[in-house]
Structure formats: structure tokens, C-alpha cells
Amino acid sequence: MLHRPFPRLRWRAGLAWALAWAAGNAWSACATETEADALAAAWHARAPLGGLDPTMTLEEALCTQAKLVARLEPRLGPRVGYKVGLTHPALQQRFGATAPVRGVLLEKMLLPDGATVPVAYGARPVVEADLLVRVGSEEVNAARTPGEALAALKEVIPFIELADLAMAEGAALNAALVTAVNVGARLGVLGPPLPVARLDPVVLETMEVVVEDGTGRVLARTPGSAVLGQPLNALLWLVQELRRRGEQLQPGDLVSLGAFSAPLTPAPGASIRVRYRGLPGEPQVTVTFR
């Protein structure tokens, strides 16, 4: 199991403390160590994360995210890459954002193709068709165009993101709060990698991303351009965002480029398959829920 539960008494006591603390407190600055402990306890318990003040700045949100991620790493492993979120103009407008946001992917968040996952894998689980890329060269940090970015990659990887909206239903959300809870990163399923030598940037833009259920019924159908007009634009945004903070991508890093489909709610016994029509071999990836 990816998430081993706490011993029963400790789990109940820890969760009760975390939820009681969050119900009566809110903070606008970066989370304190105690506050970050409360967030991590709720995250591991798959309970809604609370106590976050919607007036926090993006800098405070990134600081809070870093403290949360540091507390997840002992169980989920080291950082293996990044997640880019809010990559659709409608979503940015909804959350009052003027640009995407970014989170962190940890090693044990990533599952193999065909994985079977508990339907209640998070506080508010949602399923999204996505796409990963794996960095091949540090030259990606100097990329200015989709073509330059693609040339610095090693692989493009089909990806179903198993995200977690994390906050309680009906809670006010904005870009800072989304950032603070690590952009909803929880789990994801990887399909077979596709070497970039077989790709052209235009193909990623014009491909059709098709989401199907286990019977083959089409649930969603969107073009690659649904992510910032060109999926590699999400990578270029991340490169610039990291550069502003004195950071950069490293060879081997994975980057989730953003959701192509509207979020779906998983159901017990259901399967979801995502196909990438227009990419060589029409790759696909599948997940099943129990």
C-alpha cells in the first residue's frame, strides 16, 4: 500500500487534533512548524486541509507548500519533479490567477500503468487526463520556444493524474490556496514513455486526448492545445518561474503539464483510459478504482 495508516489510536488522536486546530485557527503568513504538522496530519488521513487564510500571498503559499512537502517526503520519497496547474484560462479566471501555479511530485505518488487505486484515495479525489515529460538535458532551462523545449526532453509520458482538491467542499479557493496545498498533487498513473525523437511540437498541440470508461464510452475529447494553447508552454512557464527563484530543472526531472479534461469523480469498480490520438502509436494509460 502506498499510504500505510497510523496505528489506530495515534491516527485518531492526531487527526482529531489537526481538525480541531484547523477549525479554530487561520493564518495569513507562512505556516509555522505546528501548523505544517497539522496540514500533514490531515493530508495523510485524507481529510480536508483547513486553517488556511485566503488572503495569504503567493510567496507565503509557496513557503507553506515547502513545509508540507518536507513532511510528506519521509513516507512518499524524494521530489522527482513538478506539477503545473491552472493551465486553462477559465480556471485561472475562476481562481483569480494571472498565470499557472506549481506543485511538487514525490516518488511514491507515481504508479504504473494499469494500477488499481482505492476510490477514496484523497479527501476530494478527482481524475484528470494529463501528460508528463521527462527532462533530458539542462538545456531545457534556456528554452524559449516549444521546439527548443522538446529538444531538451527525453520522453513524453501518458499520465492520468489522480488529484485531490484537498480543501473542504464549498471552501473559498484562490491561486495562493491551491499553491499552499501543493496544487492538489496526490497520485498519478504513468503509461509507456514515448521518445521525443519521434515527435514534433505541432503534434502535441494538434493531438486529440480522449478519455474513456471501461466500456469504451467516451467521457471527454479535447485537443492538445487545451493546455495553454500548446502543452510545452506549461514547461516553458515552469522554466521561467524556477529561474526567477534561482532554481532550475535537472536531467531526469518529471513535469506534469496540466489537465486536458474536466475533472471526473472516480467510482468503485470503474476504469478510466486515456488515449493520445495523433501521437505515434496512439499511446494510452489506464487506471481502475476499487
Protein backbone atom coordinates (compact mmCIF):
# COMPACT_ATOMS: atom_id res chain seq x y z
CA MET A 1 0.00 0.00 0.00
CA LEU A 2 1.21 3.47 -0.76
CA HIS A 3 -0.28 5.02 2.35
CA ARG A 4 0.23 2.93 5.48
CA PRO A 5 -2.24 4.07 8.16
CA PHE A 6 -1.03 5.32 11.50
CA PRO A 7 -1.62 2.95 14.45
CA ARG A 8 -5.31 3.35 15.24
CA LEU A 9 -5.15 5.33 18.47
CA ARG A 10 -2.39 7.59 17.23
CA TRP A 11 -4.21 8.19 13.93
CA ARG A 12 -7.46 9.14 15.65
CA ALA A 13 -5.76 11.39 18.16
CA GLY A 14 -3.59 13.05 15.52
CA LEU A 15 -6.48 13.67 13.15
CA ALA A 16 -8.77 14.96 15.88
CA TRP A 17 -6.07 17.39 17.00
CA ALA A 18 -5.39 18.55 13.45
CA LEU A 19 -9.05 19.13 12.59
CA ALA A 20 -9.80 20.83 15.90
CA TRP A 21 -6.82 23.14 15.45
CA ALA A 22 -7.77 23.98 11.87
CA ALA A 23 -11.39 24.71 12.75
CA GLY A 24 -10.44 27.49 15.14
CA ASN A 25 -7.40 28.97 13.51
CA ALA A 26 -6.37 30.64 10.27
CA TRP A 27 -3.08 32.18 9.26
CA SER A 28 -2.06 34.52 6.51
CA ALA A 29 1.72 34.11 6.81
CA CYS A 30 3.80 31.03 6.00
CA ALA A 31 2.73 28.09 8.15
CA THR A 32 4.54 27.64 11.42
CA GLU A 33 6.04 24.24 12.22
CA THR A 34 2.96 23.35 14.28
CA GLU A 35 0.61 24.48 11.55
CA ALA A 36 2.52 22.50 8.94
CA ASP A 37 2.32 19.42 11.19
CA ALA A 38 -1.47 19.85 11.27
CA LEU A 39 -1.64 20.09 7.47
CA ALA A 40 0.48 16.96 7.02
CA ALA A 41 -1.58 15.01 9.56
CA ALA A 42 -4.79 15.88 7.70
CA TRP A 43 -3.16 15.06 4.33
CA HIS A 44 -2.08 11.59 5.47
CA ALA A 45 -5.54 10.99 6.95
CA ARG A 46 -7.12 12.01 3.62
CA ALA A 47 -9.10 14.68 5.44
CA PRO A 48 -9.77 18.19 4.08
CA LEU A 49 -6.94 20.60 4.80
CA GLY A 50 -8.09 23.56 6.86
CA GLY A 51 -6.80 26.64 8.66
CA LEU A 52 -5.56 28.34 5.51
CA ASP A 53 -6.28 32.06 5.10
CA PRO A 54 -7.40 33.04 1.57
CA THR A 55 -5.58 36.37 1.97
CA MET A 56 -2.14 34.73 2.06
CA THR A 57 0.26 35.84 -0.65
CA LEU A 58 1.72 33.54 -3.28
CA GLU A 59 5.10 33.76 -1.52
CA GLU A 60 3.52 32.68 1.76
CA ALA A 61 1.72 29.88 -0.09
CA LEU A 62 4.97 28.58 -1.61
CA CYS A 63 6.59 28.67 1.82
CA THR A 64 3.67 26.71 3.27
CA GLN A 65 3.84 24.24 0.38
CA ALA A 66 7.54 23.64 1.03
CA LYS A 67 6.88 22.85 4.69
CA LEU A 68 4.02 20.50 3.80
CA VAL A 69 6.11 18.68 1.18
CA ALA A 70 9.00 18.29 3.64
CA ARG A 71 6.63 16.45 5.97
CA LEU A 72 5.34 14.19 3.18
CA GLU A 73 8.78 13.14 1.94
CA PRO A 74 9.56 10.63 4.74
CA ARG A 75 6.64 8.46 3.58
CA LEU A 76 6.39 9.40 -0.10
CA GLY A 77 10.06 9.65 -1.01
CA PRO A 78 12.08 12.47 -2.56
CA ARG A 79 10.99 15.03 -5.11
CA VAL A 80 11.04 13.63 -8.65
CA GLY A 81 9.56 16.61 -10.45
CA TYR A 82 6.89 19.26 -10.62
CA LYS A 83 3.22 19.71 -11.37
CA VAL A 84 1.93 22.72 -13.33
CA GLY A 85 -1.68 23.64 -12.51
CA LEU A 86 -4.29 26.18 -13.61
CA THR A 87 -3.21 25.84 -17.22
CA HIS A 88 -6.58 26.79 -18.71
CA PRO A 89 -7.71 30.44 -18.93
CA ALA A 90 -11.12 29.57 -17.49
CA LEU A 91 -9.51 28.01 -14.43
CA GLN A 92 -7.20 30.97 -13.97
CA GLN A 93 -10.19 33.29 -14.09
CA ARG A 94 -12.09 31.12 -11.62
CA PHE A 95 -9.25 31.21 -9.09
CA GLY A 96 -8.24 34.81 -9.66
CA ALA A 97 -4.90 33.83 -11.18
CA THR A 98 -2.95 35.57 -13.92
CA ALA A 99 -0.61 32.63 -14.53
CA PRO A 100 -0.32 28.90 -13.77
CA VAL A 101 0.79 27.59 -10.38
CA ARG A 102 3.23 24.84 -9.49
CA GLY A 103 3.49 21.97 -7.06
CA VAL A 104 5.90 19.12 -6.35
CA LEU A 105 5.73 15.45 -7.36
CA LEU A 106 7.16 12.90 -4.93
CA GLU A 107 8.47 9.46 -5.85
CA LYS A 108 5.70 7.28 -4.39
CA MET A 109 2.94 9.43 -5.83
CA LEU A 110 3.62 7.84 -9.23
CA LEU A 111 2.09 4.46 -10.10
CA PRO A 112 2.50 2.10 -13.09
CA ASP A 113 0.08 1.75 -15.98
CA GLY A 114 -2.96 -0.35 -15.08
CA ALA A 115 -2.73 0.40 -11.36
CA THR A 116 -5.72 -0.29 -9.13
CA VAL A 117 -6.32 2.51 -6.63
CA PRO A 118 -8.74 2.98 -3.70
CA VAL A 119 -11.64 5.14 -4.84
CA ALA A 120 -11.22 7.34 -1.75
CA TYR A 121 -7.51 7.95 -2.29
CA GLY A 122 -7.81 11.58 -1.16
CA ALA A 123 -10.07 13.99 0.69
CA ARG A 124 -11.81 15.04 -2.55
CA PRO A 125 -10.42 12.83 -5.33
CA VAL A 126 -10.70 13.84 -8.98
CA VAL A 127 -9.33 12.21 -12.13
CA GLU A 128 -7.78 14.23 -14.97
CA ALA A 129 -6.17 13.41 -18.32
CA ASP A 130 -2.65 14.85 -18.21
CA LEU A 131 0.77 14.42 -19.80
CA LEU A 132 4.25 14.10 -18.29
CA VAL A 133 7.58 14.99 -19.82
CA ARG A 134 10.99 13.84 -18.61
CA VAL A 135 13.88 16.29 -18.83
CA GLY A 136 16.86 15.02 -20.81
CA SER A 137 19.23 17.97 -20.67
CA GLU A 138 19.87 21.06 -18.59
CA GLU A 139 19.47 22.97 -21.85
CA VAL A 140 15.74 22.97 -21.13
CA ASN A 141 16.42 25.84 -18.73
CA ALA A 142 17.45 28.05 -21.65
CA ALA A 143 14.50 27.07 -23.86
CA ARG A 144 12.39 29.90 -25.25
CA THR A 145 10.19 28.05 -27.74
CA PRO A 146 8.29 24.73 -27.72
CA GLY A 147 10.80 23.35 -30.22
CA GLU A 148 13.75 24.22 -28.00
CA ALA A 149 11.96 22.74 -25.01
CA LEU A 150 11.18 19.49 -26.83
CA ALA A 151 14.79 19.13 -27.97
CA ALA A 152 15.91 19.16 -24.32
CA LEU A 153 13.48 16.43 -23.25
CA LYS A 154 14.00 12.68 -23.11
CA GLU A 155 10.44 11.35 -23.07
CA VAL A 156 6.77 12.24 -23.26
CA ILE A 157 4.70 10.03 -20.96
CA PRO A 158 0.92 9.41 -20.94
CA PHE A 159 -0.36 10.35 -17.49
CA ILE A 160 -3.63 10.12 -15.59
CA GLU A 161 -3.46 12.45 -12.64
CA LEU A 162 -5.31 11.32 -9.53
CA ALA A 163 -5.56 14.71 -7.94
CA ASP A 164 -7.03 15.78 -4.62
CA LEU A 165 -8.96 19.04 -4.32
CA ALA A 166 -7.79 18.81 -0.67
CA MET A 167 -9.99 21.57 0.78
CA ALA A 168 -13.49 21.07 2.17
CA GLU A 169 -16.31 21.26 -0.37
CA GLY A 170 -17.57 24.84 -0.62
CA ALA A 171 -14.34 26.33 0.76
CA ALA A 172 -13.20 29.55 -0.89
CA LEU A 173 -10.25 28.86 -3.17
CA ASN A 174 -7.74 31.05 -4.98
CA ALA A 175 -4.34 30.57 -6.61
CA ALA A 176 -2.48 31.00 -3.31
CA LEU A 177 -4.54 28.36 -1.51
CA VAL A 178 -4.19 25.95 -4.43
CA THR A 179 -0.43 26.51 -4.26
CA ALA A 180 -0.28 26.03 -0.47
CA VAL A 181 -1.85 22.55 -0.71
CA ASN A 182 0.73 21.54 -3.34
CA VAL A 183 -1.66 22.10 -6.26
CA GLY A 184 -3.62 19.01 -5.27
CA ALA A 185 -0.81 16.55 -6.09
CA ARG A 186 -1.69 13.16 -4.63
CA LEU A 187 -1.18 10.27 -7.10
CA GLY A 188 -0.79 9.63 -10.82
CA VAL A 189 -0.53 6.72 -13.25
CA LEU A 190 2.17 6.62 -15.92
CA GLY A 191 1.78 4.99 -19.33
CA PRO A 192 4.56 3.80 -21.65
CA PRO A 193 7.10 6.56 -22.45
CA LEU A 194 7.40 7.93 -25.95
CA PRO A 195 10.90 9.05 -27.07
CA VAL A 196 10.88 12.69 -28.17
CA ALA A 197 12.91 11.87 -31.27
CA ARG A 198 9.64 10.71 -32.82
CA LEU A 199 7.79 13.93 -32.02
CA ASP A 200 7.27 17.41 -33.37
CA PRO A 201 5.90 20.21 -31.15
CA VAL A 202 2.96 20.72 -33.50
CA VAL A 203 1.83 17.12 -32.91
CA LEU A 204 1.47 17.80 -29.19
CA GLU A 205 -0.68 20.80 -29.97
CA THR A 206 -2.93 19.07 -32.53
CA MET A 207 -3.26 15.65 -30.87
CA GLU A 208 -6.66 14.61 -29.50
CA VAL A 209 -6.78 13.49 -25.87
CA VAL A 210 -9.67 11.05 -25.42
CA VAL A 211 -10.92 9.89 -22.01
CA GLU A 212 -12.94 6.65 -21.96
CA ASP A 213 -14.53 4.47 -19.31
CA GLY A 214 -14.02 0.72 -19.08
CA THR A 215 -16.66 0.04 -21.73
CA GLY A 216 -15.03 2.36 -24.25
CA ARG A 217 -17.63 5.10 -23.81
CA VAL A 218 -16.06 8.50 -24.47
CA LEU A 219 -16.19 10.78 -21.42
CA ALA A 220 -14.12 13.66 -22.78
CA ARG A 221 -12.36 14.63 -26.00
CA THR A 222 -10.04 17.64 -26.13
CA PRO A 223 -7.17 18.92 -28.32
CA GLY A 224 -3.63 19.21 -27.06
CA SER A 225 -4.00 22.97 -27.36
CA ALA A 226 -6.35 22.88 -24.33
CA VAL A 227 -3.23 23.31 -22.16
CA LEU A 228 -2.03 26.90 -22.67
CA GLY A 229 -2.51 26.65 -26.42
CA GLN A 230 0.44 24.23 -26.61
CA PRO A 231 1.32 21.76 -23.80
CA LEU A 232 5.01 22.66 -23.89
CA ASN A 233 4.07 26.22 -22.96
CA ALA A 234 3.44 24.85 -19.47
CA LEU A 235 7.03 23.62 -19.36
CA LEU A 236 8.31 26.98 -20.61
CA TRP A 237 6.32 28.75 -17.90
CA LEU A 238 7.81 26.47 -15.23
CA VAL A 239 11.34 27.11 -16.51
CA GLN A 240 10.79 30.86 -16.19
CA GLU A 241 9.13 30.51 -12.78
CA LEU A 242 12.02 28.47 -11.40
CA ARG A 243 14.58 30.84 -12.91
CA ARG A 244 13.01 33.78 -11.07
CA ARG A 245 13.64 31.89 -7.82
CA GLY A 246 17.18 30.82 -8.60
CA GLU A 247 16.20 27.23 -9.37
CA GLN A 248 16.25 25.09 -12.48
CA LEU A 249 15.19 21.74 -13.86
CA GLN A 250 17.62 18.82 -13.79
CA PRO A 251 18.00 15.85 -16.17
CA GLY A 252 15.57 13.16 -15.09
CA ASP A 253 13.01 15.56 -13.62
CA LEU A 254 9.40 14.86 -14.49
CA VAL A 255 6.92 17.65 -15.21
CA SER A 256 3.13 17.26 -15.26
CA LEU A 257 1.94 19.74 -17.90
CA GLY A 258 -1.68 20.18 -16.82
CA ALA A 259 -5.18 18.80 -17.24
CA PHE A 260 -6.66 18.33 -20.71
CA SER A 261 -10.04 17.17 -19.41
CA ALA A 262 -12.51 18.44 -16.85
CA PRO A 263 -12.10 16.62 -13.52
CA LEU A 264 -14.00 13.34 -13.13
CA THR A 265 -15.09 11.78 -9.85
CA PRO A 266 -13.90 8.16 -9.50
CA ALA A 267 -16.40 5.39 -8.73
CA PRO A 268 -15.80 1.92 -7.22
CA GLY A 269 -15.12 -0.68 -9.90
CA ALA A 270 -14.72 1.93 -12.65
CA SER A 271 -11.82 2.11 -15.08
CA ILE A 272 -10.53 5.17 -16.90
CA ARG A 273 -8.43 5.02 -20.06
CA VAL A 274 -6.80 8.00 -21.75
CA ARG A 275 -5.71 7.79 -25.40
CA TYR A 276 -3.49 10.29 -27.19
CA ARG A 277 -4.63 10.22 -30.80
CA GLY A 278 -2.15 11.79 -33.17
CA LEU A 279 0.91 10.74 -31.19
CA PRO A 280 2.96 7.89 -32.73
CA GLY A 281 1.42 4.53 -31.86
CA GLU A 282 -1.55 6.24 -30.19
CA PRO A 283 -0.28 5.61 -26.63
CA GLN A 284 -2.68 5.13 -23.77
CA VAL A 285 -2.78 4.75 -19.99
CA THR A 286 -5.36 3.11 -17.71
CA VAL A 287 -6.36 3.16 -14.04
CA THR A 288 -9.00 1.13 -12.14
CA PHE A 289 -10.68 2.03 -8.85
CA ARG A 290 -11.71 -0.31 -6.08
